[in-house]
Structures are given as C-alpha cells and as structure tokens.
Amino acid sequence: MSHFVAVTDSPAGDDLSTERAVLAGIHVEKVAWHDESSLGAAIHSADAVMCMHAPLTSNVIHSLSRCRVIARFGTGLDNIDLEAAKLVGIPVIGIPGYCTQEVANHAMALLLSWNRKVVEYHRFVKENLWNESRHTTGNWACGPLTRLSQQTLGLLGFGQIGRAVARRALAFEMKVLVHSHRPDPEAAKGLDIEYTTFEDLLGRSDYVSLHIPLKNETSHLINARTIRLMKRGAVLINTSRGALVDENALVEALQEGLLGGALLDVFERAPLPADHAFRTIKNVILTPHVAFYSEDSLMELRRRAAAAILGYLGQGPQ
C-alpha cells in the first residue's frame, strides 16, 4: 500500500507538482480543514504531514495514528506542539537556510530604505515636490540623513541569517555587534564583529535586528523594559517572528520618541489588523511577511521538505 503524505497548507497553494516529483510513487494530497477537529480528522491516517501555518496542537498530534514525520515549510516550528510530538515519538523537521539570502537582503533593504529615507522621498516626489526649501531655509526635505558607515548594527542572534546580515552590513562599513546564547568563533572568524552582552548591544546600537527563534523564553524579548535599555532614537528591525516583540510597548516607544523607528516584516497577528496603530504611525516601514520570499527560495523549500519526508518514508532519516 502506498504511503500517504498529507499537506495541510503550502507556500504554493494547491500546486503540489514539486512535492509529487520528489515523492514519486507516494500519494501526496492537500487536505481540507477549518479547525482543530477537522484538521485532526483530515491527517489522522497520514504516514507523514507537511504543513506551513496549520496549528498542529497536542490534540491534533495525538490523533495521528501512523505518522512517521512532520515537516514544516519553513524554519521556525512554533505552530507545532513539539512536546506532544516528542511524547508520541514523531520527529519534527524544519528547513533552515532555504531563505538565508532573501531574509538578509530584506533586512538590509529595510535598513537602507530607512537610512536613505527612500519611502519618504518617494512620496515627496509623487506629490510633485522637490528640494526647493533647502535653498531658502538650508533644510533638506524629509530631514537630515546620517552616514551609514558611522552607524552601529546590533544583531540579536548569529545563525545563518544573522551571519549573512553581518557580512552585508560590514560591506557598507557599519560597525557590527552580536549577542548570541551560542557564540560561534569560527563563524565570526575573519569578520570584524564584536560579541557582547544583550544589555550592551541594546545600549550601543543605532539599529537592532532580530534573528532568533520564537520560544517561550524569547517571546516578547523586546518589551517596555528592554526598549528602555536601547539607545534613544534607535531603530528596531524584525524579519524573524512577530511575537518576539511586545507590539503595545513598541507602539508606545515610537509615539514617545524613545525609538526612532521600526522596520517590520512580521507581526504578532497576521494579517496586520486594519485598525492597528502601526498603520498610522509615521516612523515605521512595514512589509507583509515577505522577507523569506523569492521564487528560488520557495522552490528550494519545497524540494528540501519533500526530500526530508522521503528520507523517513523511503530509507530512514537523511
């Protein structure tokens, strides 16, 4: 009897051609569900599960009767109850590294857009304005700019993406500070970076970029207390997980002028609610959780996720 791989949701929608090509001879099917109960019923008899955002809760995982592996289309595993999976002996696999270039580029694109006021100047020109005021007042439109090579970027986390961001920032001659619970001297070898404490990084950085996984201990890592440790006027960049940041505290800090800005691709709730304060605050740049995206990264993600499944169903884990 052919194995059954249930796909709960996918970055390619209903297109499973890549997954089916890798898992040739195995039945791969997109299942329909709308809540915890229907999700459990839909994947109950699956030999493997592929998911993206579907909430694989303890109840759902305990309903699986013959599942050998769960693979997520992504890096983080915070939508999967890992303790429940461990209890029933089902390995859970993420796909690290598939979008390293894209996320690193997006983080730097946000930083550069802020530093050079690209969004503001774009709107300025679209409104048929120019820099005439500087001839009479001496002031430039949209305010003063700072030289990037005199700015410090603090990286919280130094995995593959953090390291890629560091290399890009160094190419722009920025000073780079890093805080990581697992310092990696080999990864830092040859890079002009400085490992430091969490508190010191917050206090010295002009930009703080988050590159850490979402866990119980990192939820709301950026909150009212830690924001007050940050350099006044600093800019927060988050292309990692929305729940790393207490958004209410961030809104207050932006409104009070404690922080200069926030450059955000991820949010505690997605899509961002229509009435969220971020939509009206001027000193933010927002993108709709697309830092991971390119056609190439999604194809790599799909191939590697399917190959991971094949390893467990065909010839043991690889």
Protein backbone atom coordinates (compact mmCIF):
# COMPACT_ATOMS: atom_id res chain seq x y z
CA MET A 1 0.00 0.00 0.00
CA SER A 2 1.31 3.43 -0.96
CA HIS A 3 2.27 5.84 1.77
CA PHE A 4 0.02 8.87 2.30
CA VAL A 5 1.55 12.32 2.75
CA ALA A 6 -0.97 14.91 3.93
CA VAL A 7 -0.29 18.56 3.07
CA THR A 8 -2.23 20.90 5.37
CA ASP A 9 -1.13 24.16 3.74
CA SER A 10 1.67 25.11 1.40
CA PRO A 11 3.55 28.16 0.11
CA ALA A 12 2.48 27.07 -3.38
CA GLY A 13 -1.24 26.85 -2.61
CA ASP A 14 -2.77 23.85 -4.32
CA ASP A 15 0.22 23.18 -6.56
CA LEU A 16 1.94 20.01 -5.32
CA SER A 17 3.87 19.22 -8.51
CA THR A 18 7.30 19.68 -6.94
CA GLU A 19 6.43 17.60 -3.88
CA ARG A 20 4.96 14.85 -6.01
CA ALA A 21 8.00 14.80 -8.26
CA VAL A 22 10.33 14.30 -5.29
CA LEU A 23 7.95 11.81 -3.63
CA ALA A 24 7.34 9.80 -6.81
CA GLY A 25 5.19 6.75 -6.13
CA ILE A 26 3.85 8.17 -2.85
CA HIS A 27 0.32 9.56 -2.55
CA VAL A 28 0.58 13.29 -1.78
CA GLU A 29 -2.68 15.11 -1.12
CA LYS A 30 -3.74 18.58 0.02
CA VAL A 31 -6.29 18.05 2.78
CA ALA A 32 -9.23 20.29 3.68
CA TRP A 33 -9.76 21.50 7.23
CA HIS A 34 -11.10 24.54 9.09
CA ASP A 35 -10.49 23.92 12.79
CA GLU A 36 -8.59 21.66 15.20
CA SER A 37 -11.13 18.84 14.97
CA SER A 38 -11.33 18.76 11.18
CA LEU A 39 -7.54 19.07 10.89
CA GLY A 40 -7.06 16.05 13.14
CA ALA A 41 -9.57 14.04 11.13
CA ALA A 42 -8.01 15.05 7.80
CA ILE A 43 -4.49 13.89 8.70
CA HIS A 44 -5.40 11.04 11.07
CA SER A 45 -4.19 8.28 8.74
CA ALA A 46 -1.24 10.12 7.18
CA ASP A 47 2.19 8.50 7.15
CA ALA A 48 3.72 11.98 7.01
CA VAL A 49 2.46 15.55 7.36
CA MET A 50 3.71 18.65 5.55
CA CYS A 51 2.50 21.96 6.99
CA MET A 52 3.19 25.66 6.92
CA HIS A 53 0.94 27.64 9.29
CA ALA A 54 -1.55 24.91 10.30
CA PRO A 55 -1.75 24.65 14.12
CA LEU A 56 -0.53 21.16 14.93
CA THR A 57 -1.67 21.19 18.54
CA SER A 58 -1.30 18.43 21.10
CA ASN A 59 -4.79 17.15 20.27
CA VAL A 60 -4.02 17.05 16.55
CA ILE A 61 -0.70 15.29 17.05
CA HIS A 62 -2.20 12.72 19.42
CA SER A 63 -4.86 11.96 16.80
CA LEU A 64 -2.21 10.78 14.31
CA SER A 65 -2.38 7.01 14.07
CA ARG A 66 0.68 6.14 11.93
CA CYS A 67 2.62 9.32 11.25
CA ARG A 68 6.40 8.88 10.94
CA VAL A 69 7.44 12.50 10.46
CA ILE A 70 6.16 16.09 10.34
CA ALA A 71 7.94 18.54 8.04
CA ARG A 72 7.25 22.26 8.09
CA PHE A 73 7.53 24.50 5.04
CA GLY A 74 9.72 26.95 6.95
CA THR A 75 12.38 27.36 9.58
CA GLY A 76 10.53 28.05 12.84
CA LEU A 77 8.42 25.35 14.46
CA ASP A 78 6.29 27.48 16.79
CA ASN A 79 2.98 26.33 15.25
CA ILE A 80 3.75 22.72 16.19
CA ASP A 81 3.48 21.30 19.72
CA LEU A 82 6.98 19.88 19.91
CA GLU A 83 6.49 18.36 23.35
CA ALA A 84 3.46 16.41 22.14
CA ALA A 85 5.36 15.23 19.08
CA LYS A 86 8.28 14.12 21.23
CA LEU A 87 5.92 12.29 23.59
CA VAL A 88 4.44 10.20 20.77
CA GLY A 89 7.78 9.75 19.02
CA ILE A 90 7.16 11.76 15.85
CA PRO A 91 10.21 13.69 14.60
CA VAL A 92 9.55 17.28 13.51
CA ILE A 93 11.68 18.84 10.80
CA GLY A 94 12.16 22.46 9.80
CA ILE A 95 14.05 23.60 6.71
CA PRO A 96 16.76 26.01 7.85
CA GLY A 97 18.75 28.02 5.35
CA TYR A 98 16.35 27.94 2.43
CA CYS A 99 15.81 31.72 2.50
CA THR A 100 19.00 33.00 4.14
CA GLN A 101 19.88 35.30 1.24
CA GLU A 102 16.36 36.64 0.91
CA VAL A 103 15.87 37.48 4.60
CA ALA A 104 19.33 39.01 4.93
CA ASN A 105 18.74 41.11 1.82
CA HIS A 106 15.30 42.18 3.09
CA ALA A 107 16.67 43.23 6.48
CA MET A 108 19.33 45.32 4.77
CA ALA A 109 16.80 46.71 2.28
CA LEU A 110 14.67 47.93 5.19
CA LEU A 111 17.73 49.41 6.90
CA LEU A 112 18.91 51.17 3.74
CA SER A 113 15.42 52.43 2.95
CA TRP A 114 15.24 53.95 6.41
CA ASN A 115 18.74 55.37 6.39
CA ARG A 116 18.30 56.99 2.97
CA LYS A 117 14.61 57.87 3.60
CA VAL A 118 13.66 56.15 0.35
CA VAL A 119 9.98 55.74 1.24
CA GLU A 120 9.61 59.36 2.34
CA TYR A 121 11.41 60.74 -0.70
CA HIS A 122 9.32 58.53 -2.98
CA ARG A 123 6.14 60.03 -1.55
CA PHE A 124 7.69 63.50 -1.73
CA VAL A 125 8.35 63.27 -5.45
CA LYS A 126 4.96 61.62 -6.15
CA GLU A 127 3.37 64.69 -4.54
CA ASN A 128 5.20 66.86 -7.10
CA LEU A 129 7.62 68.30 -4.53
CA TRP A 130 11.36 68.78 -4.73
CA ASN A 131 14.22 70.16 -2.64
CA GLU A 132 13.49 73.84 -3.19
CA SER A 133 13.29 74.52 0.56
CA ARG A 134 16.98 73.87 1.08
CA HIS A 135 17.84 76.97 -0.96
CA THR A 136 15.89 79.28 1.35
CA THR A 137 15.95 77.51 4.73
CA GLY A 138 19.06 75.37 4.47
CA ASN A 139 16.98 72.36 5.45
CA TRP A 140 16.67 69.27 3.31
CA ALA A 141 13.29 67.76 2.56
CA CYS A 142 12.40 64.89 4.90
CA GLY A 143 15.08 65.91 7.39
CA PRO A 144 18.77 65.17 7.87
CA LEU A 145 20.44 61.91 6.85
CA THR A 146 23.23 60.11 8.68
CA ARG A 147 26.29 58.45 7.16
CA LEU A 148 25.82 54.69 7.42
CA SER A 149 29.49 53.93 8.00
CA GLN A 150 29.22 55.82 11.28
CA GLN A 151 26.30 53.70 12.49
CA THR A 152 26.28 50.52 14.59
CA LEU A 153 24.13 47.49 13.82
CA GLY A 154 23.35 45.12 16.69
CA LEU A 155 22.39 41.57 15.77
CA LEU A 156 20.43 39.50 18.26
CA GLY A 157 21.18 36.00 17.02
CA PHE A 158 24.07 34.82 14.88
CA GLY A 159 22.80 31.84 12.95
CA GLN A 160 22.91 31.59 9.17
CA ILE A 161 20.75 34.67 8.62
CA GLY A 162 22.46 36.74 11.31
CA ARG A 163 25.83 35.97 9.78
CA ALA A 164 24.58 36.87 6.30
CA VAL A 165 23.27 40.21 7.58
CA ALA A 166 26.61 40.87 9.29
CA ARG A 167 28.52 40.35 6.04
CA ARG A 168 26.22 42.74 4.21
CA ALA A 169 26.43 45.40 6.93
CA LEU A 170 30.21 45.16 7.00
CA ALA A 171 30.26 45.72 3.24
CA PHE A 172 28.55 49.05 3.99
CA GLU A 173 31.29 49.73 6.58
CA MET A 174 28.94 49.59 9.55
CA LYS A 175 30.16 48.52 12.97
CA VAL A 176 28.51 45.21 13.90
CA LEU A 177 27.75 44.00 17.42
CA VAL A 178 26.44 40.49 18.09
CA HIS A 179 24.76 38.83 21.03
CA SER A 180 24.13 35.11 20.86
CA HIS A 181 23.48 32.46 23.50
CA ARG A 182 25.75 30.20 21.46
CA PRO A 183 28.77 32.23 20.34
CA ASP A 184 30.43 30.76 17.27
CA PRO A 185 34.03 31.99 16.98
CA GLU A 186 34.54 30.01 13.77
CA ALA A 187 31.57 31.71 12.09
CA ALA A 188 32.91 35.08 13.20
CA LYS A 189 36.44 34.31 12.04
CA GLY A 190 37.55 36.85 9.50
CA LEU A 191 34.61 39.13 10.24
CA ASP A 192 35.16 42.41 12.04
CA ILE A 193 32.39 41.90 14.60
CA GLU A 194 32.21 42.22 18.35
CA TYR A 195 30.42 39.75 20.62
CA THR A 196 28.85 41.49 23.58
CA THR A 197 26.12 41.22 26.21
CA PHE A 198 22.44 41.69 25.48
CA GLU A 199 22.28 44.90 27.50
CA ASP A 200 25.44 46.38 25.99
CA LEU A 201 24.24 45.66 22.46
CA LEU A 202 20.92 47.39 23.09
CA GLY A 203 22.63 50.41 24.60
CA ARG A 204 25.16 50.93 21.80
CA SER A 205 23.31 50.02 18.61
CA ASP A 206 21.74 52.50 16.21
CA TYR A 207 19.87 49.60 14.62
CA VAL A 208 18.87 46.37 16.39
CA SER A 209 17.96 43.47 14.12
CA LEU A 210 16.29 40.30 15.42
CA HIS A 211 17.44 36.91 14.13
CA ILE A 212 16.40 34.47 16.85
CA PRO A 213 13.74 31.73 17.02
CA LEU A 214 10.48 32.20 18.87
CA LYS A 215 10.45 30.17 22.09
CA ASN A 216 8.86 30.64 25.50
CA GLU A 217 11.99 32.39 26.72
CA THR A 218 12.21 34.74 23.71
CA SER A 219 8.53 35.70 23.49
CA HIS A 220 8.27 39.50 23.95
CA LEU A 221 12.04 39.73 24.32
CA ILE A 222 11.64 43.30 23.12
CA ASN A 223 9.30 44.82 25.69
CA ALA A 224 8.84 48.00 27.72
CA ARG A 225 11.84 47.20 29.94
CA THR A 226 14.28 46.17 27.19
CA ILE A 227 13.23 49.04 24.93
CA ARG A 228 14.33 51.45 27.66
CA LEU A 229 17.77 49.82 27.52
CA MET A 230 18.05 50.73 23.85
CA LYS A 231 19.85 53.79 22.60
CA ARG A 232 17.40 56.67 22.34
CA GLY A 233 16.37 57.10 18.72
CA ALA A 234 17.48 53.58 17.75
CA VAL A 235 15.64 51.65 15.06
CA LEU A 236 14.28 48.12 15.53
CA ILE A 237 14.30 45.66 12.61
CA ASN A 238 12.28 42.44 12.79
CA THR A 239 12.28 39.91 9.95
CA SER A 240 12.16 36.94 12.31
CA ARG A 241 8.97 36.33 14.36
CA GLY A 242 6.35 38.89 15.33
CA ALA A 243 5.87 37.64 18.87
CA LEU A 244 9.49 38.43 19.73
CA VAL A 245 8.20 41.99 20.18
CA ASP A 246 5.56 43.32 22.56
CA GLU A 247 3.79 45.46 19.99
CA ASN A 248 1.92 47.59 22.55
CA ALA A 249 5.24 48.53 24.15
CA LEU A 250 6.78 49.22 20.75
CA VAL A 251 3.89 51.50 19.72
CA GLU A 252 4.28 53.50 22.95
CA ALA A 253 8.04 53.78 22.47
CA LEU A 254 7.61 55.05 18.92
CA GLN A 255 4.94 57.55 19.93
CA GLU A 256 7.01 58.80 22.87
CA GLY A 257 10.17 59.13 20.80
CA LEU A 258 12.16 56.55 22.76
CA LEU A 259 12.84 54.78 19.48
CA GLY A 260 13.42 56.45 16.16
CA GLY A 261 11.64 53.85 14.09
CA ALA A 262 10.64 50.25 13.50
CA LEU A 263 11.16 48.26 10.29
CA LEU A 264 8.85 45.26 10.45
CA ASP A 265 8.11 42.31 8.20
CA VAL A 266 6.43 40.16 10.88
CA PHE A 267 3.71 40.86 13.42
CA GLU A 268 2.02 39.22 16.41
CA ARG A 269 -1.14 38.82 14.31
CA ALA A 270 -1.15 38.23 10.57
CA PRO A 271 -2.53 39.80 8.50
CA LEU A 272 -1.91 43.00 10.43
CA PRO A 273 -5.30 44.16 11.79
CA ALA A 274 -6.85 47.03 9.86
CA ASP A 275 -7.03 49.22 12.97
CA HIS A 276 -3.51 48.51 14.21
CA ALA A 277 -1.57 51.58 15.32
CA PHE A 278 1.35 50.63 13.07
CA ARG A 279 -0.79 51.65 10.09
CA THR A 280 -0.95 55.27 11.23
CA ILE A 281 2.45 55.77 12.87
CA LYS A 282 4.82 57.63 10.54
CA ASN A 283 8.16 56.30 11.77
CA VAL A 284 7.70 52.73 10.59
CA ILE A 285 8.26 50.77 7.40
CA LEU A 286 6.01 47.73 7.06
CA THR A 287 6.13 44.76 4.69
CA PRO A 288 3.64 41.84 4.68
CA HIS A 289 5.82 38.92 5.87
CA VAL A 290 7.66 38.54 2.58
CA ALA A 291 11.30 38.60 3.69
CA PHE A 292 11.64 34.87 3.02
CA TYR A 293 10.21 35.08 -0.48
CA SER A 294 11.71 34.56 -3.87
CA GLU A 295 10.68 32.01 -6.45
CA ASP A 296 14.04 30.32 -5.93
CA SER A 297 13.74 30.14 -2.14
CA LEU A 298 10.24 28.65 -2.33
CA MET A 299 11.35 26.01 -4.83
CA GLU A 300 14.29 25.08 -2.60
CA LEU A 301 11.97 24.94 0.41
CA ARG A 302 9.51 22.63 -1.31
CA ARG A 303 12.18 20.29 -2.67
CA ARG A 304 14.01 20.01 0.65
CA ALA A 305 10.82 19.48 2.67
CA ALA A 306 9.73 16.70 0.33
CA ALA A 307 13.21 15.14 0.39
CA ALA A 308 13.11 15.13 4.19
CA ILE A 309 9.81 13.26 4.09
CA LEU A 310 11.22 10.80 1.56
CA GLY A 311 14.13 10.10 3.88
CA TYR A 312 11.78 8.88 6.60
CA LEU A 313 9.30 7.05 4.41
CA GLY A 314 11.79 5.55 1.99
CA GLN A 315 15.14 4.81 3.54
CA GLY A 316 15.32 6.26 7.04
CA PRO A 317 16.20 9.81 8.06
CA GLN A 318 18.74 11.68 5.96
